[in-house]
Structures are given as structure tokens and as C-alpha cells.
């Protein structure tokens, strides 16, 4: 790595707004919310393919369950004063 690049990243990560595990939860929630937003379009795109449409409906349901669980975990972290 060049000196300029080393200098540019020398202090990155020194300040954290929350613990790594809490950041991971928020990041994953964001990622999954983005995916959920797309499922309705995927379902619409497969309107005449029953098997494909069912796959997207099932994937959407699993994503919704994971999102709910992540929200519960984040709420628990907040209640524990860990966030």
C-alpha cells in the first residue's frame, strides 16, 4: 500500500457508534429490507409461471420472518442498554 493510501485509512474505524455486533444487526436489517422491497416485482414478473411465482412468495415470507427476528434482536439490544 502506498504512503498516501496508508495515510488516508490510518484513522478509519477509530470511532464507533455502536458495538460491532449491533452494527452487524443494523446492516443485515438494511440489506434484508432492500431485498424485501424487490420481491413484489419478482412475483409480478413471474405471474404466469406458478412454480417460479411460488418460489418468490416463499422467499418473501422467509425474508419477512428474518426481518422480524432482526427487529426483535435489535429491540432486545436496546433494552439491554447494549446498543
PDB file of N, CA and C in Angstrom:
ATOM      1  N   UNK A   1       0.859  -1.172   0.000  1.00  0.00           N
ATOM      2  CA  UNK A   1       0.000   0.000   0.000  1.00  0.00           C
ATOM      3  C   UNK A   1       0.903   1.232   0.000  1.00  0.00           C
ATOM      4  N   UNK A   2       0.541   2.227  -0.768  1.00  0.00           N
ATOM      5  CA  UNK A   2       1.340   3.444  -0.845  1.00  0.00           C
ATOM      6  C   UNK A   2       1.174   4.256   0.432  1.00  0.00           C
ATOM      7  N   UNK A   3       2.106   5.151   0.641  1.00  0.00           N
ATOM      8  CA  UNK A   3       2.070   6.009   1.818  1.00  0.00           C
ATOM      9  C   UNK A   3       0.787   6.836   1.851  1.00  0.00           C
ATOM     10  N   UNK A   4       0.369   7.359   0.703  1.00  0.00           N
ATOM     11  CA  UNK A   4      -0.852   8.163   0.645  1.00  0.00           C
ATOM     12  C   UNK A   4      -2.067   7.336   1.051  1.00  0.00           C
ATOM     13  N   UNK A   5      -2.128   6.103   0.582  1.00  0.00           N
ATOM     14  CA  UNK A   5      -3.247   5.229   0.923  1.00  0.00           C
ATOM     15  C   UNK A   5      -3.216   4.870   2.404  1.00  0.00           C
ATOM     16  N   UNK A   6      -2.022   4.598   2.921  1.00  0.00           N
ATOM     17  CA  UNK A   6      -1.897   4.299   4.349  1.00  0.00           C
ATOM     18  C   UNK A   6      -2.367   5.472   5.181  1.00  0.00           C
ATOM     19  N   UNK A   7      -1.998   6.651   4.770  1.00  0.00           N
ATOM     20  CA  UNK A   7      -2.383   7.860   5.497  1.00  0.00           C
ATOM     21  C   UNK A   7      -3.893   8.081   5.420  1.00  0.00           C
ATOM     22  N   UNK A   8      -4.461   7.810   4.247  1.00  0.00           N
ATOM     23  CA  UNK A   8      -5.896   8.013   4.048  1.00  0.00           C
ATOM     24  C   UNK A   8      -6.720   7.133   4.977  1.00  0.00           C
ATOM     25  N   UNK A   9      -6.259   5.923   5.237  1.00  0.00           N
ATOM     26  CA  UNK A   9      -7.014   4.968   6.048  1.00  0.00           C
ATOM     27  C   UNK A   9      -6.459   4.803   7.464  1.00  0.00           C
ATOM     28  N   UNK A  10      -5.513   5.612   7.847  1.00  0.00           N
ATOM     29  CA  UNK A  10      -4.827   5.443   9.130  1.00  0.00           C
ATOM     30  C   UNK A  10      -5.769   5.504  10.327  1.00  0.00           C
ATOM     31  N   UNK A  11      -6.790   6.328  10.265  1.00  0.00           N
ATOM     32  CA  UNK A  11      -7.656   6.512  11.432  1.00  0.00           C
ATOM     33  C   UNK A  11      -9.067   5.975  11.210  1.00  0.00           C
ATOM     34  N   UNK A  12      -9.274   5.286  10.116  1.00  0.00           N
ATOM     35  CA  UNK A  12     -10.595   4.729   9.839  1.00  0.00           C
ATOM     36  C   UNK A  12     -10.936   3.677  10.890  1.00  0.00           C
ATOM     37  N   UNK A  13     -12.122   3.787  11.442  1.00  0.00           N
ATOM     38  CA  UNK A  13     -12.591   2.804  12.407  1.00  0.00           C
ATOM     39  C   UNK A  13     -12.252   3.122  13.846  1.00  0.00           C
ATOM     40  N   UNK A  14     -11.595   4.247  14.092  1.00  0.00           N
ATOM     41  CA  UNK A  14     -11.254   4.588  15.475  1.00  0.00           C
ATOM     42  C   UNK A  14     -12.491   4.945  16.294  1.00  0.00           C
ATOM     43  N   UNK A  15     -13.465   5.546  15.661  1.00  0.00           N
ATOM     44  CA  UNK A  15     -14.676   5.941  16.358  1.00  0.00           C
ATOM     45  C   UNK A  15     -15.814   5.043  15.905  1.00  0.00           C
ATOM     46  N   UNK A  16     -16.456   4.409  16.861  1.00  0.00           N
ATOM     47  CA  UNK A  16     -17.569   3.512  16.537  1.00  0.00           C
ATOM     48  C   UNK A  16     -18.817   4.018  17.244  1.00  0.00           C
ATOM     49  N   UNK A  17     -19.921   4.036  16.526  1.00  0.00           N
ATOM     50  CA  UNK A  17     -21.180   4.490  17.102  1.00  0.00           C
ATOM     51  C   UNK A  17     -21.870   3.421  17.934  1.00  0.00           C
ATOM     52  N   UNK A  18     -21.458   2.168  17.733  1.00  0.00           N
ATOM     53  CA  UNK A  18     -22.033   1.060  18.480  1.00  0.00           C
ATOM     54  C   UNK A  18     -21.095  -0.141  18.362  1.00  0.00           C
ATOM     55  N   UNK A  19     -21.386  -1.152  19.127  1.00  0.00           N
ATOM     56  CA  UNK A  19     -20.576  -2.368  19.087  1.00  0.00           C
ATOM     57  C   UNK A  19     -20.695  -3.038  17.726  1.00  0.00           C
ATOM     58  N   UNK A  20     -19.676  -3.802  17.383  1.00  0.00           N
ATOM     59  CA  UNK A  20     -19.677  -4.489  16.089  1.00  0.00           C
ATOM     60  C   UNK A  20     -20.916  -5.356  15.905  1.00  0.00           C
ATOM     61  N   UNK A  21     -21.299  -6.100  16.948  1.00  0.00           N
ATOM     62  CA  UNK A  21     -22.453  -6.989  16.800  1.00  0.00           C
ATOM     63  C   UNK A  21     -23.741  -6.212  16.561  1.00  0.00           C
ATOM     64  N   UNK A  22     -23.856  -5.020  17.141  1.00  0.00           N
ATOM     65  CA  UNK A  22     -25.038  -4.201  16.894  1.00  0.00           C
ATOM     66  C   UNK A  22     -25.015  -3.613  15.488  1.00  0.00           C
ATOM     67  N   UNK A  23     -23.855  -3.183  15.052  1.00  0.00           N
ATOM     68  CA  UNK A  23     -23.718  -2.692  13.680  1.00  0.00           C
ATOM     69  C   UNK A  23     -24.086  -3.795  12.695  1.00  0.00           C
ATOM     70  N   UNK A  24     -23.648  -5.009  12.981  1.00  0.00           N
ATOM     71  CA  UNK A  24     -23.956  -6.151  12.113  1.00  0.00           C
ATOM     72  C   UNK A  24     -25.471  -6.357  11.997  1.00  0.00           C
ATOM     73  N   UNK A  25     -26.172  -6.245  13.126  1.00  0.00           N
ATOM     74  CA  UNK A  25     -27.625  -6.414  13.113  1.00  0.00           C
ATOM     75  C   UNK A  25     -28.299  -5.352  12.247  1.00  0.00           C
ATOM     76  N   UNK A  26     -27.885  -4.094  12.418  1.00  0.00           N
ATOM     77  CA  UNK A  26     -28.476  -2.997  11.655  1.00  0.00           C
ATOM     78  C   UNK A  26     -28.149  -3.141  10.166  1.00  0.00           C
ATOM     79  N   UNK A  27     -26.919  -3.485   9.871  1.00  0.00           N
ATOM     80  CA  UNK A  27     -26.508  -3.661   8.475  1.00  0.00           C
ATOM     81  C   UNK A  27     -27.306  -4.780   7.818  1.00  0.00           C
ATOM     82  N   UNK A  28     -27.463  -5.886   8.515  1.00  0.00           N
ATOM     83  CA  UNK A  28     -28.211  -7.012   7.960  1.00  0.00           C
ATOM     84  C   UNK A  28     -29.686  -6.664   7.791  1.00  0.00           C
ATOM     85  N   UNK A  29     -30.258  -5.924   8.740  1.00  0.00           N
ATOM     86  CA  UNK A  29     -31.648  -5.497   8.609  1.00  0.00           C
ATOM     87  C   UNK A  29     -31.804  -4.638   7.359  1.00  0.00           C
ATOM     88  N   UNK A  30     -30.908  -3.716   7.150  1.00  0.00           N
ATOM     89  CA  UNK A  30     -30.956  -2.855   5.969  1.00  0.00           C
ATOM     90  C   UNK A  30     -30.864  -3.674   4.687  1.00  0.00           C
ATOM     91  N   UNK A  31     -29.949  -4.619   4.657  1.00  0.00           N
ATOM     92  CA  UNK A  31     -29.775  -5.464   3.476  1.00  0.00           C
ATOM     93  C   UNK A  31     -31.043  -6.256   3.172  1.00  0.00           C
ATOM     94  N   UNK A  32     -31.638  -6.797   4.201  1.00  0.00           N
ATOM     95  CA  UNK A  32     -32.838  -7.613   4.006  1.00  0.00           C
ATOM     96  C   UNK A  32     -34.059  -6.761   3.656  1.00  0.00           C
ATOM     97  N   UNK A  33     -34.156  -5.555   4.198  1.00  0.00           N
ATOM     98  CA  UNK A  33     -35.242  -4.660   3.815  1.00  0.00           C
ATOM     99  C   UNK A  33     -35.144  -4.286   2.338  1.00  0.00           C
ATOM    100  N   UNK A  34     -33.934  -4.074   1.864  1.00  0.00           N
ATOM    101  CA  UNK A  34     -33.739  -3.796   0.436  1.00  0.00           C
ATOM    102  C   UNK A  34     -34.200  -4.974  -0.412  1.00  0.00           C
ATOM    103  N   UNK A  35     -33.875  -6.182   0.025  1.00  0.00           N
ATOM    104  CA  UNK A  35     -34.288  -7.377  -0.718  1.00  0.00           C
ATOM    105  C   UNK A  35     -35.808  -7.525  -0.693  1.00  0.00           C
ATOM    106  N   UNK A  36     -36.417  -7.312   0.461  1.00  0.00           N
ATOM    107  CA  UNK A  36     -37.865  -7.449   0.593  1.00  0.00           C
ATOM    108  C   UNK A  36     -38.589  -6.515  -0.361  1.00  0.00           C
ATOM    109  N   UNK A  37     -38.064  -5.338  -0.519  1.00  0.00           N
ATOM    110  CA  UNK A  37     -38.654  -4.315  -1.375  1.00  0.00           C
ATOM    111  C   UNK A  37     -38.777  -4.805  -2.813  1.00  0.00           C
ATOM    112  N   UNK A  38     -37.898  -5.704  -3.225  1.00  0.00           N
ATOM    113  CA  UNK A  38     -37.868  -6.189  -4.604  1.00  0.00           C
ATOM    114  C   UNK A  38     -38.782  -7.403  -4.862  1.00  0.00           C
ATOM    115  N   UNK A  39     -39.151  -8.118  -3.828  1.00  0.00           N
ATOM    116  CA  UNK A  39     -39.887  -9.370  -4.025  1.00  0.00           C
ATOM    117  C   UNK A  39     -41.214  -9.195  -4.757  1.00  0.00           C
ATOM    118  N   UNK A  40     -41.955  -8.142  -4.488  1.00  0.00           N
ATOM    119  CA  UNK A  40     -43.231  -7.957  -5.173  1.00  0.00           C
ATOM    120  C   UNK A  40     -43.029  -7.838  -6.683  1.00  0.00           C
ATOM    121  N   UNK A  41     -41.946  -7.186  -7.086  1.00  0.00           N
ATOM    122  CA  UNK A  41     -41.663  -7.097  -8.515  1.00  0.00           C
ATOM    123  C   UNK A  41     -41.301  -8.462  -9.083  1.00  0.00           C
ATOM    124  N   UNK A  42     -40.508  -9.223  -8.336  1.00  0.00           N
ATOM    125  CA  UNK A  42     -40.143 -10.568  -8.789  1.00  0.00           C
ATOM    126  C   UNK A  42     -41.391 -11.436  -8.962  1.00  0.00           C
ATOM    127  N   UNK A  43     -42.314 -11.316  -8.000  1.00  0.00           N
ATOM    128  CA  UNK A  43     -43.562 -12.085  -8.053  1.00  0.00           C
ATOM    129  C   UNK A  43     -44.370 -11.660  -9.279  1.00  0.00           C
ATOM    130  N   UNK A  44     -44.467 -10.374  -9.515  1.00  0.00           N
ATOM    131  CA  UNK A  44     -45.199  -9.876 -10.682  1.00  0.00           C
ATOM    132  C   UNK A  44     -44.556 -10.341 -11.985  1.00  0.00           C
ATOM    133  N   UNK A  45     -43.233 -10.357 -12.021  1.00  0.00           N
ATOM    134  CA  UNK A  45     -42.527 -10.783 -13.228  1.00  0.00           C
ATOM    135  C   UNK A  45     -42.785 -12.253 -13.549  1.00  0.00           C
ATOM    136  N   UNK A  46     -43.127 -13.037 -12.541  1.00  0.00           N
ATOM    137  CA  UNK A  46     -43.352 -14.478 -12.720  1.00  0.00           C
ATOM    138  C   UNK A  46     -44.837 -14.827 -12.717  1.00  0.00           C
ATOM    139  N   UNK A  47     -45.685 -13.859 -13.031  1.00  0.00           N
ATOM    140  CA  UNK A  47     -47.129 -14.031 -12.887  1.00  0.00           C
ATOM    141  C   UNK A  47     -47.685 -15.275 -13.574  1.00  0.00           C
ATOM    142  N   UNK A  48     -47.143 -15.679 -14.676  1.00  0.00           N
ATOM    143  CA  UNK A  48     -47.690 -16.825 -15.421  1.00  0.00           C
ATOM    144  C   UNK A  48     -46.921 -18.117 -15.182  1.00  0.00           C
ATOM    145  N   UNK A  49     -45.897 -18.074 -14.325  1.00  0.00           N
ATOM    146  CA  UNK A  49     -45.100 -19.267 -14.005  1.00  0.00           C
ATOM    147  C   UNK A  49     -45.354 -19.630 -12.549  1.00  0.00           C
ATOM    148  N   UNK A  50     -46.284 -20.540 -12.332  1.00  0.00           N
ATOM    149  CA  UNK A  50     -46.723 -20.857 -10.970  1.00  0.00           C
ATOM    150  C   UNK A  50     -45.583 -21.265 -10.040  1.00  0.00           C
ATOM    151  N   UNK A  51     -44.718 -22.154 -10.508  1.00  0.00           N
ATOM    152  CA  UNK A  51     -43.620 -22.615  -9.660  1.00  0.00           C
ATOM    153  C   UNK A  51     -42.650 -21.507  -9.296  1.00  0.00           C
ATOM    154  N   UNK A  52     -42.351 -20.670 -10.270  1.00  0.00           N
ATOM    155  CA  UNK A  52     -41.438 -19.551 -10.037  1.00  0.00           C
ATOM    156  C   UNK A  52     -42.069 -18.513  -9.118  1.00  0.00           C
ATOM    157  N   UNK A  53     -43.336 -18.222  -9.365  1.00  0.00           N
ATOM    158  CA  UNK A  53     -44.033 -17.258  -8.514  1.00  0.00           C
ATOM    159  C   UNK A  53     -44.092 -17.758  -7.068  1.00  0.00           C
ATOM    160  N   UNK A  54     -44.339 -19.059  -6.901  1.00  0.00           N
ATOM    161  CA  UNK A  54     -44.392 -19.623  -5.553  1.00  0.00           C
ATOM    162  C   UNK A  54     -43.039 -19.530  -4.860  1.00  0.00           C
ATOM    163  N   UNK A  55     -41.970 -19.757  -5.621  1.00  0.00           N
ATOM    164  CA  UNK A  55     -40.629 -19.608  -5.051  1.00  0.00           C
ATOM    165  C   UNK A  55     -40.437 -18.203  -4.494  1.00  0.00           C
ATOM    166  N   UNK A  56     -40.797 -17.175  -5.295  1.00  0.00           N
ATOM    167  CA  UNK A  56     -40.616 -15.794  -4.836  1.00  0.00           C
ATOM    168  C   UNK A  56     -41.512 -15.479  -3.646  1.00  0.00           C
ATOM    169  N   UNK A  57     -42.717 -16.030  -3.636  1.00  0.00           N
ATOM    170  CA  UNK A  57     -43.603 -15.827  -2.474  1.00  0.00           C
ATOM    171  C   UNK A  57     -43.014 -16.468  -1.219  1.00  0.00           C
ATOM    172  N   UNK A  58     -42.468 -17.655  -1.376  1.00  0.00           N
ATOM    173  CA  UNK A  58     -41.833 -18.336  -0.239  1.00  0.00           C
ATOM    174  C   UNK A  58     -40.605 -17.571   0.238  1.00  0.00           C
ATOM    175  N   UNK A  59     -39.804 -17.100  -0.700  1.00  0.00           N
ATOM    176  CA  UNK A  59     -38.599 -16.327  -0.348  1.00  0.00           C
ATOM    177  C   UNK A  59     -38.988 -15.047   0.380  1.00  0.00           C
ATOM    178  N   UNK A  60     -40.041 -14.396  -0.092  1.00  0.00           N
ATOM    179  CA  UNK A  60     -40.519 -13.173   0.556  1.00  0.00           C
ATOM    180  C   UNK A  60     -40.948 -13.456   1.993  1.00  0.00           C
ATOM    181  N   UNK A  61     -41.680 -14.548   2.192  1.00  0.00           N
ATOM    182  CA  UNK A  61     -42.140 -14.909   3.542  1.00  0.00           C
ATOM    183  C   UNK A  61     -40.960 -15.185   4.468  1.00  0.00           C
ATOM    184  N   UNK A  62     -39.962 -15.890   3.966  1.00  0.00           N
ATOM    185  CA  UNK A  62     -38.769 -16.161   4.790  1.00  0.00           C
ATOM    186  C   UNK A  62     -38.037 -14.865   5.122  1.00  0.00           C
ATOM    187  N   UNK A  63     -37.964 -13.956   4.160  1.00  0.00           N
ATOM    188  CA  UNK A  63     -37.310 -12.666   4.386  1.00  0.00           C
ATOM    189  C   UNK A  63     -38.061 -11.872   5.456  1.00  0.00           C
ATOM    190  N   UNK A  64     -39.383 -11.896   5.374  1.00  0.00           N
ATOM    191  CA  UNK A  64     -40.189 -11.190   6.378  1.00  0.00           C
ATOM    192  C   UNK A  64     -39.960 -11.762   7.769  1.00  0.00           C
ATOM    193  N   UNK A  65     -39.839 -13.076   7.877  1.00  0.00           N
ATOM    194  CA  UNK A  65     -39.558 -13.702   9.173  1.00  0.00           C
ATOM    195  C   UNK A  65     -38.181 -13.284   9.692  1.00  0.00           C
ATOM    196  N   UNK A  66     -37.192 -13.278   8.828  1.00  0.00           N
ATOM    197  CA  UNK A  66     -35.844 -12.887   9.236  1.00  0.00           C
ATOM    198  C   UNK A  66     -35.819 -11.422   9.666  1.00  0.00           C
ATOM    199  N   UNK A  67     -36.545 -10.571   8.948  1.00  0.00           N
ATOM    200  CA  UNK A  67     -36.613  -9.150   9.301  1.00  0.00           C
ATOM    201  C   UNK A  67     -37.252  -8.981  10.669  1.00  0.00           C
ATOM    202  N   UNK A  68     -38.323  -9.700  10.910  1.00  0.00           N
ATOM    203  CA  UNK A  68     -38.983  -9.613  12.215  1.00  0.00           C
ATOM    204  C   UNK A  68     -38.032 -10.039  13.334  1.00  0.00           C
ATOM    205  N   UNK A  69     -37.314 -11.110  13.112  1.00  0.00           N
ATOM    206  CA  UNK A  69     -36.354 -11.600  14.119  1.00  0.00           C
ATOM    207  C   UNK A  69     -35.253 -10.580  14.356  1.00  0.00           C
ATOM    208  N   UNK A  70     -34.741  -9.978  13.288  1.00  0.00           N
ATOM    209  CA  UNK A  70     -33.708  -8.954  13.442  1.00  0.00           C
ATOM    210  C   UNK A  70     -34.231  -7.763  14.240  1.00  0.00           C
ATOM    211  N   UNK A  71     -35.453  -7.342  13.958  1.00  0.00           N
ATOM    212  CA  UNK A  71     -36.050  -6.227  14.708  1.00  0.00           C
ATOM    213  C   UNK A  71     -36.154  -6.569  16.193  1.00  0.00           C
ATOM    214  N   UNK A  72     -36.553  -7.814  16.483  1.00  0.00           N
ATOM    215  CA  UNK A  72     -36.648  -8.259  17.880  1.00  0.00           C
ATOM    216  C   UNK A  72     -35.281  -8.252  18.552  1.00  0.00           C
ATOM    217  N   UNK A  73     -34.265  -8.717  17.836  1.00  0.00           N
ATOM    218  CA  UNK A  73     -32.908  -8.732  18.400  1.00  0.00           C
ATOM    219  C   UNK A  73     -32.389  -7.323  18.645  1.00  0.00           C
ATOM    220  N   UNK A  74     -32.658  -6.423  17.725  1.00  0.00           N
ATOM    221  CA  UNK A  74     -32.231  -5.035  17.912  1.00  0.00           C
ATOM    222  C   UNK A  74     -32.958  -4.415  19.105  1.00  0.00           C
ATOM    223  N   UNK A  75     -34.256  -4.673  19.209  1.00  0.00           N
ATOM    224  CA  UNK A  75     -35.020  -4.157  20.354  1.00  0.00           C
ATOM    225  C   UNK A  75     -34.465  -4.693  21.671  1.00  0.00           C
ATOM    226  N   UNK A  76     -34.094  -5.960  21.683  1.00  0.00           N
ATOM    227  CA  UNK A  76     -33.515  -6.560  22.890  1.00  0.00           C
ATOM    228  C   UNK A  76     -32.178  -5.897  23.234  1.00  0.00           C
ATOM    229  N   UNK A  77     -31.374  -5.646  22.235  1.00  0.00           N
ATOM    230  CA  UNK A  77     -30.092  -4.966  22.460  1.00  0.00           C
ATOM    231  C   UNK A  77     -30.321  -3.573  23.054  1.00  0.00           C
ATOM    232  N   UNK A  78     -31.333  -2.858  22.547  1.00  0.00           N
ATOM    233  CA  UNK A  78     -31.652  -1.528  23.079  1.00  0.00           C
ATOM    234  C   UNK A  78     -32.110  -1.640  24.527  1.00  0.00           C
ATOM    235  N   UNK A  79     -33.010  -2.598  24.800  1.00  0.00           N
ATOM    236  CA  UNK A  79     -33.498  -2.783  26.180  1.00  0.00           C
ATOM    237  C   UNK A  79     -32.353  -3.136  27.135  1.00  0.00           C
ATOM    238  N   UNK A  80     -31.370  -3.872  26.657  1.00  0.00           N
ATOM    239  CA  UNK A  80     -30.238  -4.270  27.496  1.00  0.00           C
ATOM    240  C   UNK A  80     -29.214  -3.145  27.672  1.00  0.00           C
ATOM    241  N   UNK A  81     -29.451  -2.020  26.989  1.00  0.00           N
ATOM    242  CA  UNK A  81     -28.517  -0.905  27.093  1.00  0.00           C
ATOM    243  C   UNK A  81     -27.220  -1.179  26.364  1.00  0.00           C
ATOM    244  N   UNK A  82     -27.234  -2.153  25.495  1.00  0.00           N
ATOM    245  CA  UNK A  82     -26.023  -2.565  24.792  1.00  0.00           C
ATOM    246  C   UNK A  82     -25.828  -1.798  23.500  1.00  0.00           C
ATOM    247  N   UNK A  83     -26.874  -1.177  23.031  1.00  0.00           N
ATOM    248  CA  UNK A  83     -26.826  -0.519  21.727  1.00  0.00           C
ATOM    249  C   UNK A  83     -26.298   0.878  21.848  1.00  0.00           C
TER     250      UNK A  83
END
